[in-house]
Amino acid sequence: QYADPDKKSCFIVNTTTELSSTESEIREVLSQNKAEMIEIFSEALKNSEEMGEIKKGQDLKSLASMIYTLFSGLQIVGKLSSNKEELINTVNAGFAAIQLNS
């Protein structure tokens, strides 16, 4: 089962969707979390680039932002869908944007 059986999802995603538009302090914390996650993904992509796993010259910050958005979106979609194939296809489509070295 890939969907969240209790429909609770991720605390950060839940807080973002429920409170970020009304609570400026919460929005600030969530924005900081987003920036930290994008930085983590960006560093991972940079390491992959340095190891020759992905092609050089890609916009790593934009790709990191895409991964963050995909991750966050999957947390929400996981509340609605238990279709494993659909979720895997979504991840594969997102990661297809990263050009790999062959």
N, C-alpha and C. Protein backbone atom coordinates (compact mmCIF):
# COMPACT_ATOMS: atom_id res chain seq x y z
N GLN A 1 0.85 -1.18 0.00
CA GLN A 1 0.00 0.00 0.00
C GLN A 1 0.89 1.24 0.00
N TYR A 2 0.71 2.10 -0.98
CA TYR A 2 1.52 3.31 -1.09
C TYR A 2 0.79 4.54 -0.61
N ALA A 3 -0.52 4.49 -0.58
CA ALA A 3 -1.27 5.63 -0.05
C ALA A 3 -1.21 5.59 1.47
N ASP A 4 -1.40 6.71 2.06
CA ASP A 4 -1.42 6.81 3.52
C ASP A 4 -2.76 6.26 4.01
N PRO A 5 -2.76 5.06 4.65
CA PRO A 5 -4.05 4.47 5.03
C PRO A 5 -4.83 5.31 6.05
N ASP A 6 -4.12 6.09 6.86
CA ASP A 6 -4.79 6.95 7.84
C ASP A 6 -5.08 8.33 7.29
N LYS A 7 -4.64 8.60 6.06
CA LYS A 7 -4.86 9.90 5.39
C LYS A 7 -4.28 11.06 6.18
N LYS A 8 -3.15 10.82 6.87
CA LYS A 8 -2.52 11.86 7.67
C LYS A 8 -1.49 12.64 6.88
N SER A 9 -0.78 12.00 6.00
CA SER A 9 0.25 12.62 5.18
C SER A 9 1.39 13.18 6.03
N CYS A 10 2.14 14.06 5.43
CA CYS A 10 3.32 14.66 6.04
C CYS A 10 2.92 15.91 6.82
N PHE A 11 3.46 16.06 8.02
CA PHE A 11 3.14 17.22 8.85
C PHE A 11 3.43 18.53 8.12
N ILE A 12 4.59 18.61 7.45
CA ILE A 12 4.96 19.84 6.74
C ILE A 12 3.97 20.12 5.62
N VAL A 13 3.63 19.10 4.84
CA VAL A 13 2.68 19.30 3.74
C VAL A 13 1.32 19.69 4.28
N ASN A 14 0.86 19.01 5.32
CA ASN A 14 -0.44 19.36 5.91
C ASN A 14 -0.46 20.79 6.41
N THR A 15 0.58 21.19 7.10
CA THR A 15 0.66 22.55 7.62
C THR A 15 0.69 23.56 6.48
N THR A 16 1.43 23.23 5.44
CA THR A 16 1.51 24.13 4.28
C THR A 16 0.14 24.33 3.66
N THR A 17 -0.58 23.26 3.45
CA THR A 17 -1.88 23.38 2.77
C THR A 17 -2.95 23.98 3.67
N GLU A 18 -2.82 23.81 4.98
CA GLU A 18 -3.88 24.26 5.87
C GLU A 18 -3.64 25.62 6.51
N LEU A 19 -2.38 25.98 6.79
CA LEU A 19 -2.15 27.18 7.59
C LEU A 19 -1.25 28.25 6.96
N SER A 20 -0.53 27.90 5.92
CA SER A 20 0.47 28.85 5.41
C SER A 20 -0.12 30.14 4.86
N SER A 21 -1.35 30.10 4.40
CA SER A 21 -1.93 31.32 3.84
C SER A 21 -2.43 32.28 4.91
N THR A 22 -2.58 31.80 6.14
CA THR A 22 -3.13 32.66 7.18
C THR A 22 -2.15 32.99 8.30
N GLU A 23 -1.10 32.26 8.43
CA GLU A 23 -0.18 32.43 9.55
C GLU A 23 1.22 32.78 9.04
N SER A 24 1.64 34.03 9.18
CA SER A 24 2.92 34.47 8.62
C SER A 24 4.11 33.79 9.28
N GLU A 25 4.05 33.53 10.58
CA GLU A 25 5.16 32.86 11.25
C GLU A 25 5.31 31.42 10.75
N ILE A 26 4.20 30.76 10.56
CA ILE A 26 4.23 29.39 10.04
C ILE A 26 4.75 29.42 8.61
N ARG A 27 4.30 30.36 7.81
CA ARG A 27 4.75 30.48 6.42
C ARG A 27 6.27 30.67 6.37
N GLU A 28 6.82 31.44 7.30
CA GLU A 28 8.26 31.67 7.35
C GLU A 28 9.01 30.38 7.65
N VAL A 29 8.53 29.62 8.62
CA VAL A 29 9.16 28.33 8.96
C VAL A 29 9.07 27.37 7.79
N LEU A 30 7.92 27.32 7.15
CA LEU A 30 7.74 26.43 6.00
C LEU A 30 8.62 26.84 4.83
N SER A 31 8.76 28.13 4.61
CA SER A 31 9.63 28.62 3.54
C SER A 31 11.08 28.24 3.81
N GLN A 32 11.49 28.33 5.07
CA GLN A 32 12.84 27.93 5.45
C GLN A 32 13.04 26.43 5.23
N ASN A 33 12.05 25.64 5.59
CA ASN A 33 12.12 24.20 5.37
C ASN A 33 12.24 23.89 3.88
N LYS A 34 11.46 24.59 3.07
CA LYS A 34 11.51 24.39 1.62
C LYS A 34 12.91 24.72 1.10
N ALA A 35 13.47 25.83 1.53
CA ALA A 35 14.81 26.23 1.08
C ALA A 35 15.85 25.19 1.49
N GLU A 36 15.73 24.66 2.71
CA GLU A 36 16.68 23.65 3.18
C GLU A 36 16.55 22.36 2.38
N MET A 37 15.33 21.95 2.09
CA MET A 37 15.13 20.72 1.30
C MET A 37 15.67 20.89 -0.12
N ILE A 38 15.42 22.05 -0.72
CA ILE A 38 15.93 22.30 -2.07
C ILE A 38 17.45 22.29 -2.06
N GLU A 39 18.05 22.83 -1.02
CA GLU A 39 19.51 22.82 -0.91
C GLU A 39 20.04 21.40 -0.79
N ILE A 40 19.38 20.57 -0.02
CA ILE A 40 19.77 19.16 0.11
C ILE A 40 19.69 18.46 -1.24
N PHE A 41 18.58 18.65 -1.94
CA PHE A 41 18.43 18.03 -3.26
C PHE A 41 19.46 18.57 -4.24
N SER A 42 19.73 19.86 -4.17
CA SER A 42 20.71 20.49 -5.05
C SER A 42 22.10 19.92 -4.82
N GLU A 43 22.46 19.74 -3.56
CA GLU A 43 23.77 19.14 -3.22
C GLU A 43 23.87 17.71 -3.72
N ALA A 44 22.79 16.95 -3.59
CA ALA A 44 22.78 15.57 -4.08
C ALA A 44 22.97 15.55 -5.60
N LEU A 45 22.30 16.46 -6.29
CA LEU A 45 22.45 16.54 -7.74
C LEU A 45 23.87 16.97 -8.12
N LYS A 46 24.42 17.90 -7.37
CA LYS A 46 25.80 18.34 -7.63
C LYS A 46 26.77 17.17 -7.44
N ASN A 47 26.58 16.39 -6.40
CA ASN A 47 27.42 15.21 -6.18
C ASN A 47 27.28 14.22 -7.33
N SER A 48 26.06 14.03 -7.81
CA SER A 48 25.83 13.13 -8.94
C SER A 48 26.50 13.65 -10.20
N GLU A 49 26.47 14.96 -10.37
CA GLU A 49 27.13 15.58 -11.52
C GLU A 49 28.65 15.37 -11.44
N GLU A 50 29.20 15.60 -10.26
CA GLU A 50 30.65 15.43 -10.08
C GLU A 50 31.09 13.99 -10.26
N MET A 51 30.21 13.04 -9.92
CA MET A 51 30.52 11.62 -10.08
C MET A 51 30.27 11.13 -11.50
N GLY A 52 29.76 12.01 -12.35
CA GLY A 52 29.51 11.65 -13.74
C GLY A 52 28.22 10.88 -13.96
N GLU A 53 27.34 10.88 -12.98
CA GLU A 53 26.08 10.16 -13.12
C GLU A 53 25.05 10.94 -13.93
N ILE A 54 25.11 12.26 -13.84
CA ILE A 54 24.20 13.09 -14.63
C ILE A 54 25.04 14.06 -15.47
N LYS A 55 24.44 14.51 -16.56
CA LYS A 55 25.15 15.41 -17.47
C LYS A 55 25.41 16.76 -16.81
N LYS A 56 26.56 17.32 -17.13
CA LYS A 56 26.92 18.64 -16.63
C LYS A 56 26.15 19.72 -17.37
N GLY A 57 26.03 20.87 -16.72
CA GLY A 57 25.40 22.02 -17.36
C GLY A 57 23.91 22.14 -17.15
N GLN A 58 23.33 21.24 -16.37
CA GLN A 58 21.90 21.33 -16.09
C GLN A 58 21.67 22.35 -14.96
N ASP A 59 20.52 22.93 -14.94
CA ASP A 59 20.15 23.87 -13.89
C ASP A 59 19.77 23.08 -12.64
N LEU A 60 20.78 22.83 -11.80
CA LEU A 60 20.59 21.95 -10.65
C LEU A 60 19.61 22.52 -9.64
N LYS A 61 19.59 23.82 -9.48
CA LYS A 61 18.66 24.45 -8.52
C LYS A 61 17.21 24.25 -8.99
N SER A 62 16.97 24.41 -10.28
CA SER A 62 15.62 24.19 -10.80
C SER A 62 15.22 22.72 -10.69
N LEU A 63 16.16 21.83 -10.97
CA LEU A 63 15.87 20.40 -10.83
C LEU A 63 15.59 20.05 -9.37
N ALA A 64 16.35 20.64 -8.46
CA ALA A 64 16.11 20.41 -7.02
C ALA A 64 14.73 20.92 -6.62
N SER A 65 14.34 22.06 -7.15
CA SER A 65 13.02 22.60 -6.86
C SER A 65 11.93 21.68 -7.42
N MET A 66 12.17 21.13 -8.60
CA MET A 66 11.21 20.19 -9.19
C MET A 66 11.07 18.95 -8.32
N ILE A 67 12.19 18.44 -7.80
CA ILE A 67 12.13 17.25 -6.93
C ILE A 67 11.35 17.57 -5.66
N TYR A 68 11.59 18.74 -5.09
CA TYR A 68 10.85 19.16 -3.89
C TYR A 68 9.35 19.23 -4.19
N THR A 69 9.00 19.82 -5.31
CA THR A 69 7.59 19.95 -5.69
C THR A 69 6.97 18.58 -5.93
N LEU A 70 7.70 17.70 -6.59
CA LEU A 70 7.23 16.33 -6.83
C LEU A 70 7.01 15.60 -5.51
N PHE A 71 7.99 15.70 -4.62
CA PHE A 71 7.90 15.07 -3.30
C PHE A 71 6.67 15.58 -2.54
N SER A 72 6.50 16.88 -2.50
CA SER A 72 5.37 17.48 -1.79
C SER A 72 4.04 17.07 -2.41
N GLY A 73 3.99 17.11 -3.72
CA GLY A 73 2.76 16.73 -4.42
C GLY A 73 2.39 15.27 -4.20
N LEU A 74 3.40 14.42 -4.17
CA LEU A 74 3.12 13.00 -3.94
C LEU A 74 2.56 12.75 -2.55
N GLN A 75 2.96 13.58 -1.59
CA GLN A 75 2.41 13.45 -0.25
C GLN A 75 0.90 13.71 -0.27
N ILE A 76 0.48 14.66 -1.07
CA ILE A 76 -0.94 14.99 -1.17
C ILE A 76 -1.68 13.93 -1.99
N VAL A 77 -1.13 13.56 -3.13
CA VAL A 77 -1.77 12.57 -3.99
C VAL A 77 -1.85 11.22 -3.29
N GLY A 78 -0.86 10.93 -2.45
CA GLY A 78 -0.87 9.68 -1.70
C GLY A 78 -2.07 9.55 -0.77
N LYS A 79 -2.67 10.67 -0.42
CA LYS A 79 -3.89 10.64 0.39
C LYS A 79 -5.07 10.13 -0.43
N LEU A 80 -4.99 10.32 -1.74
CA LEU A 80 -6.12 10.01 -2.60
C LEU A 80 -5.98 8.70 -3.35
N SER A 81 -4.75 8.30 -3.64
CA SER A 81 -4.53 7.17 -4.53
C SER A 81 -3.69 6.09 -3.87
N SER A 82 -4.10 4.86 -4.06
CA SER A 82 -3.29 3.74 -3.62
C SER A 82 -2.76 2.99 -4.84
N ASN A 83 -2.85 3.63 -6.01
CA ASN A 83 -2.42 3.01 -7.25
C ASN A 83 -0.89 3.11 -7.35
N LYS A 84 -0.20 2.05 -7.02
CA LYS A 84 1.26 2.01 -7.00
C LYS A 84 1.84 2.39 -8.37
N GLU A 85 1.29 1.83 -9.43
CA GLU A 85 1.80 2.10 -10.77
C GLU A 85 1.68 3.59 -11.12
N GLU A 86 0.57 4.20 -10.78
CA GLU A 86 0.37 5.62 -11.05
C GLU A 86 1.42 6.47 -10.33
N LEU A 87 1.66 6.16 -9.07
CA LEU A 87 2.64 6.92 -8.30
C LEU A 87 4.05 6.74 -8.84
N ILE A 88 4.40 5.50 -9.19
CA ILE A 88 5.73 5.23 -9.75
C ILE A 88 5.89 5.93 -11.09
N ASN A 89 4.87 5.89 -11.93
CA ASN A 89 4.94 6.57 -13.23
C ASN A 89 5.11 8.08 -13.07
N THR A 90 4.47 8.64 -12.06
CA THR A 90 4.62 10.07 -11.78
C THR A 90 6.05 10.40 -11.40
N VAL A 91 6.62 9.60 -10.52
CA VAL A 91 8.02 9.81 -10.11
C VAL A 91 8.94 9.66 -11.31
N ASN A 92 8.74 8.62 -12.09
CA ASN A 92 9.59 8.40 -13.28
C ASN A 92 9.49 9.56 -14.27
N ALA A 93 8.29 10.07 -14.47
CA ALA A 93 8.12 11.20 -15.38
C ALA A 93 8.86 12.43 -14.87
N GLY A 94 8.77 12.67 -13.57
CA GLY A 94 9.48 13.81 -12.99
C GLY A 94 10.98 13.67 -13.11
N PHE A 95 11.49 12.50 -12.78
CA PHE A 95 12.94 12.30 -12.83
C PHE A 95 13.47 12.19 -14.25
N ALA A 96 12.61 11.99 -15.23
CA ALA A 96 13.04 11.98 -16.63
C ALA A 96 13.60 13.34 -17.05
N ALA A 97 13.27 14.38 -16.30
CA ALA A 97 13.77 15.71 -16.61
C ALA A 97 15.27 15.83 -16.32
N ILE A 98 15.80 14.91 -15.53
CA ILE A 98 17.24 14.93 -15.21
C ILE A 98 17.97 14.12 -16.26
N GLN A 99 18.87 14.78 -16.97
CA GLN A 99 19.60 14.12 -18.05
C GLN A 99 20.74 13.30 -17.47
N LEU A 100 20.66 12.00 -17.68
CA LEU A 100 21.67 11.07 -17.18
C LEU A 100 22.78 10.88 -18.20
N ASN A 101 23.96 10.57 -17.72
CA ASN A 101 25.02 10.11 -18.62
C ASN A 101 24.78 8.64 -18.90
N SER A 102 25.00 8.26 -20.16
CA SER A 102 24.74 6.86 -20.50
C SER A 102 25.98 6.02 -20.44
